């Protein structure tokens, strides 16, 4: 969950993880990797449509 929140916080204002090192149990070194990614900038690209309707103008079955 901490990794998810950290990634979410990179693109959604107001989302914050107080202690990113809590992800260390399942991803040892995540705090270091995350700090490096934040320091060098997180690349952004095209975003997925917000809803299925936005993809092609039709609702999903």
C-alpha atoms as a PDB file:
ATOM      1  CA  UNK A   1       0.000   0.000   0.000  1.00  0.00           C
ATOM      2  CA  UNK A   2       2.834   2.419   0.736  1.00  0.00           C
ATOM      3  CA  UNK A   3       4.289   1.874  -2.741  1.00  0.00           C
ATOM      4  CA  UNK A   4       0.874   2.434  -4.302  1.00  0.00           C
ATOM      5  CA  UNK A   5       0.343   5.615  -2.286  1.00  0.00           C
ATOM      6  CA  UNK A   6       3.801   6.909  -3.201  1.00  0.00           C
ATOM      7  CA  UNK A   7       3.104   6.431  -6.902  1.00  0.00           C
ATOM      8  CA  UNK A   8      -0.375   7.913  -6.537  1.00  0.00           C
ATOM      9  CA  UNK A   9       1.076  10.865  -4.651  1.00  0.00           C
ATOM     10  CA  UNK A  10       3.384  11.580  -7.567  1.00  0.00           C
ATOM     11  CA  UNK A  11       0.398  12.524  -9.722  1.00  0.00           C
ATOM     12  CA  UNK A  12      -2.418  13.402  -7.309  1.00  0.00           C
ATOM     13  CA  UNK A  13      -2.017  16.536  -5.192  1.00  0.00           C
ATOM     14  CA  UNK A  14      -2.632  16.004  -1.488  1.00  0.00           C
ATOM     15  CA  UNK A  15      -1.661  12.316  -1.353  1.00  0.00           C
ATOM     16  CA  UNK A  16       1.307  11.878   0.936  1.00  0.00           C
ATOM     17  CA  UNK A  17       3.183   8.970   2.519  1.00  0.00           C
ATOM     18  CA  UNK A  18       4.715   9.851   5.870  1.00  0.00           C
ATOM     19  CA  UNK A  19       7.203   6.972   5.991  1.00  0.00           C
ATOM     20  CA  UNK A  20       7.936   5.460   2.590  1.00  0.00           C
ATOM     21  CA  UNK A  21      10.380   3.052   4.293  1.00  0.00           C
ATOM     22  CA  UNK A  22       7.358   1.034   5.461  1.00  0.00           C
ATOM     23  CA  UNK A  23       7.437  -0.577   2.008  1.00  0.00           C
ATOM     24  CA  UNK A  24      10.798  -2.109   2.969  1.00  0.00           C
ATOM     25  CA  UNK A  25       9.188  -5.330   4.158  1.00  0.00           C
ATOM     26  CA  UNK A  26       8.040  -6.276   0.652  1.00  0.00           C
ATOM     27  CA  UNK A  27      10.523  -4.168  -1.348  1.00  0.00           C
ATOM     28  CA  UNK A  28      13.795  -3.768   0.531  1.00  0.00           C
ATOM     29  CA  UNK A  29      15.422  -0.525  -0.570  1.00  0.00           C
ATOM     30  CA  UNK A  30      12.203   1.048  -1.858  1.00  0.00           C
ATOM     31  CA  UNK A  31      12.886   4.225   0.111  1.00  0.00           C
ATOM     32  CA  UNK A  32      16.239   4.618  -1.682  1.00  0.00           C
ATOM     33  CA  UNK A  33      14.789   3.822  -5.116  1.00  0.00           C
ATOM     34  CA  UNK A  34      11.887   6.200  -4.531  1.00  0.00           C
ATOM     35  CA  UNK A  35      14.161   9.000  -3.298  1.00  0.00           C
ATOM     36  CA  UNK A  36      16.318   8.646  -6.417  1.00  0.00           C
ATOM     37  CA  UNK A  37      13.267   8.657  -8.691  1.00  0.00           C
ATOM     38  CA  UNK A  38      11.863  11.765  -7.047  1.00  0.00           C
ATOM     39  CA  UNK A  39      15.237  13.546  -7.139  1.00  0.00           C
ATOM     40  CA  UNK A  40      15.711  12.909 -10.860  1.00  0.00           C
ATOM     41  CA  UNK A  41      12.103  13.484 -11.801  1.00  0.00           C
ATOM     42  CA  UNK A  42       9.367  11.001 -12.456  1.00  0.00           C
ATOM     43  CA  UNK A  43       8.656  10.769 -16.171  1.00  0.00           C
ATOM     44  CA  UNK A  44       5.123  11.406 -17.255  1.00  0.00           C
ATOM     45  CA  UNK A  45       3.409  10.209 -20.339  1.00  0.00           C
ATOM     46  CA  UNK A  46      -0.036   9.888 -21.791  1.00  0.00           C
ATOM     47  CA  UNK A  47      -2.638   9.092 -19.200  1.00  0.00           C
ATOM     48  CA  UNK A  48      -5.270   6.424 -19.487  1.00  0.00           C
ATOM     49  CA  UNK A  49      -8.840   7.580 -20.075  1.00  0.00           C
ATOM     50  CA  UNK A  50     -10.756   8.306 -16.900  1.00  0.00           C
ATOM     51  CA  UNK A  51     -13.620   6.054 -17.934  1.00  0.00           C
ATOM     52  CA  UNK A  52     -14.433   3.470 -20.605  1.00  0.00           C
ATOM     53  CA  UNK A  53     -16.662   6.037 -22.330  1.00  0.00           C
ATOM     54  CA  UNK A  54     -13.665   8.328 -22.856  1.00  0.00           C
ATOM     55  CA  UNK A  55     -11.819   5.684 -24.872  1.00  0.00           C
ATOM     56  CA  UNK A  56     -13.951   5.701 -27.997  1.00  0.00           C
ATOM     57  CA  UNK A  57     -17.150   7.491 -27.075  1.00  0.00           C
ATOM     58  CA  UNK A  58     -19.045   4.249 -26.509  1.00  0.00           C
ATOM     59  CA  UNK A  59     -19.998   2.634 -23.246  1.00  0.00           C
ATOM     60  CA  UNK A  60     -18.450  -0.717 -22.398  1.00  0.00           C
ATOM     61  CA  UNK A  61     -20.819  -3.705 -22.534  1.00  0.00           C
END
